Amino acid sequence: TEYYLTREENMSSEELGGLEKLQAYVNGFAPARCVNRAGEPVVDAKGIERMEKRLINTKELLG
């Protein structure tokens, strides 16, 4: 798992800069509206519209 996991304290200043840019980019994502098959918003028991985090298709980005 060392290949996939790196502690911030082990990162160089250049790597930390890249991590900060990536975190800022991801934090800028807007939540996705949940909709049913008819395209209507999904609401919870209180009538509040459900929102979820968006998934990033990394295979598509790297392909």
Protein backbone atom coordinates (compact mmCIF):
# COMPACT_ATOMS: atom_id res chain seq x y z
CA THR A 1 0.00 0.00 0.00
CA GLU A 2 2.97 2.36 0.16
CA TYR A 3 2.47 2.94 -3.56
CA TYR A 4 -1.04 4.31 -3.01
CA LEU A 5 -0.75 5.91 0.42
CA THR A 6 1.59 8.74 1.28
CA ARG A 7 1.60 10.74 4.49
CA GLU A 8 1.69 14.49 4.08
CA GLU A 9 4.73 14.75 6.34
CA ASN A 10 6.63 12.58 3.85
CA MET A 11 5.77 14.80 0.86
CA SER A 12 8.10 17.32 -0.71
CA SER A 13 7.05 20.97 -0.93
CA GLU A 14 6.28 20.43 -4.63
CA GLU A 15 4.06 17.44 -3.84
CA LEU A 16 2.29 19.36 -1.08
CA GLY A 17 1.62 22.19 -3.51
CA GLY A 18 0.09 19.74 -5.97
CA LEU A 19 -2.01 18.18 -3.20
CA GLU A 20 -3.33 21.60 -2.17
CA LYS A 21 -4.31 22.36 -5.78
CA LEU A 22 -6.07 19.01 -6.09
CA GLN A 23 -7.92 19.50 -2.79
CA ALA A 24 -9.06 22.99 -3.83
CA TYR A 25 -10.27 21.61 -7.18
CA VAL A 26 -12.22 18.76 -5.58
CA ASN A 27 -13.67 21.01 -2.86
CA GLY A 28 -15.02 23.23 -5.63
CA PHE A 29 -17.32 20.48 -6.93
CA ALA A 30 -21.02 21.21 -6.53
CA PRO A 31 -23.16 18.45 -5.01
CA ALA A 32 -25.28 16.51 -7.49
CA ARG A 33 -29.07 16.57 -7.33
CA CYS A 34 -30.62 13.15 -6.84
CA VAL A 35 -33.34 12.47 -9.42
CA ASN A 36 -35.56 9.50 -10.14
CA ARG A 37 -35.89 7.81 -13.55
CA ALA A 38 -38.47 10.42 -14.59
CA GLY A 39 -35.93 13.17 -13.85
CA GLU A 40 -37.85 14.48 -10.84
CA PRO A 41 -35.90 15.54 -7.72
CA VAL A 42 -35.76 12.98 -4.91
CA VAL A 43 -36.75 14.36 -1.49
CA ASP A 44 -36.35 12.97 2.01
CA ALA A 45 -39.12 12.44 4.60
CA LYS A 46 -39.03 16.16 5.45
CA GLY A 47 -39.42 17.18 1.81
CA ILE A 48 -35.83 18.38 1.52
CA GLU A 49 -34.18 17.67 -1.82
CA ARG A 50 -31.44 15.04 -1.61
CA MET A 51 -27.95 15.97 -2.75
CA GLU A 52 -24.94 13.68 -3.10
CA LYS A 53 -21.26 13.99 -3.84
CA ARG A 54 -20.35 13.50 -7.47
CA LEU A 55 -18.20 10.57 -8.49
CA ILE A 56 -15.19 11.16 -10.68
CA ASN A 57 -14.65 8.60 -13.44
CA THR A 58 -10.86 8.47 -13.22
CA LYS A 59 -10.63 5.81 -15.93
CA GLU A 60 -12.27 8.24 -18.36
CA LEU A 61 -9.95 11.05 -17.29
CA LEU A 62 -6.84 8.92 -17.72
CA GLY A 63 -7.98 7.10 -20.88
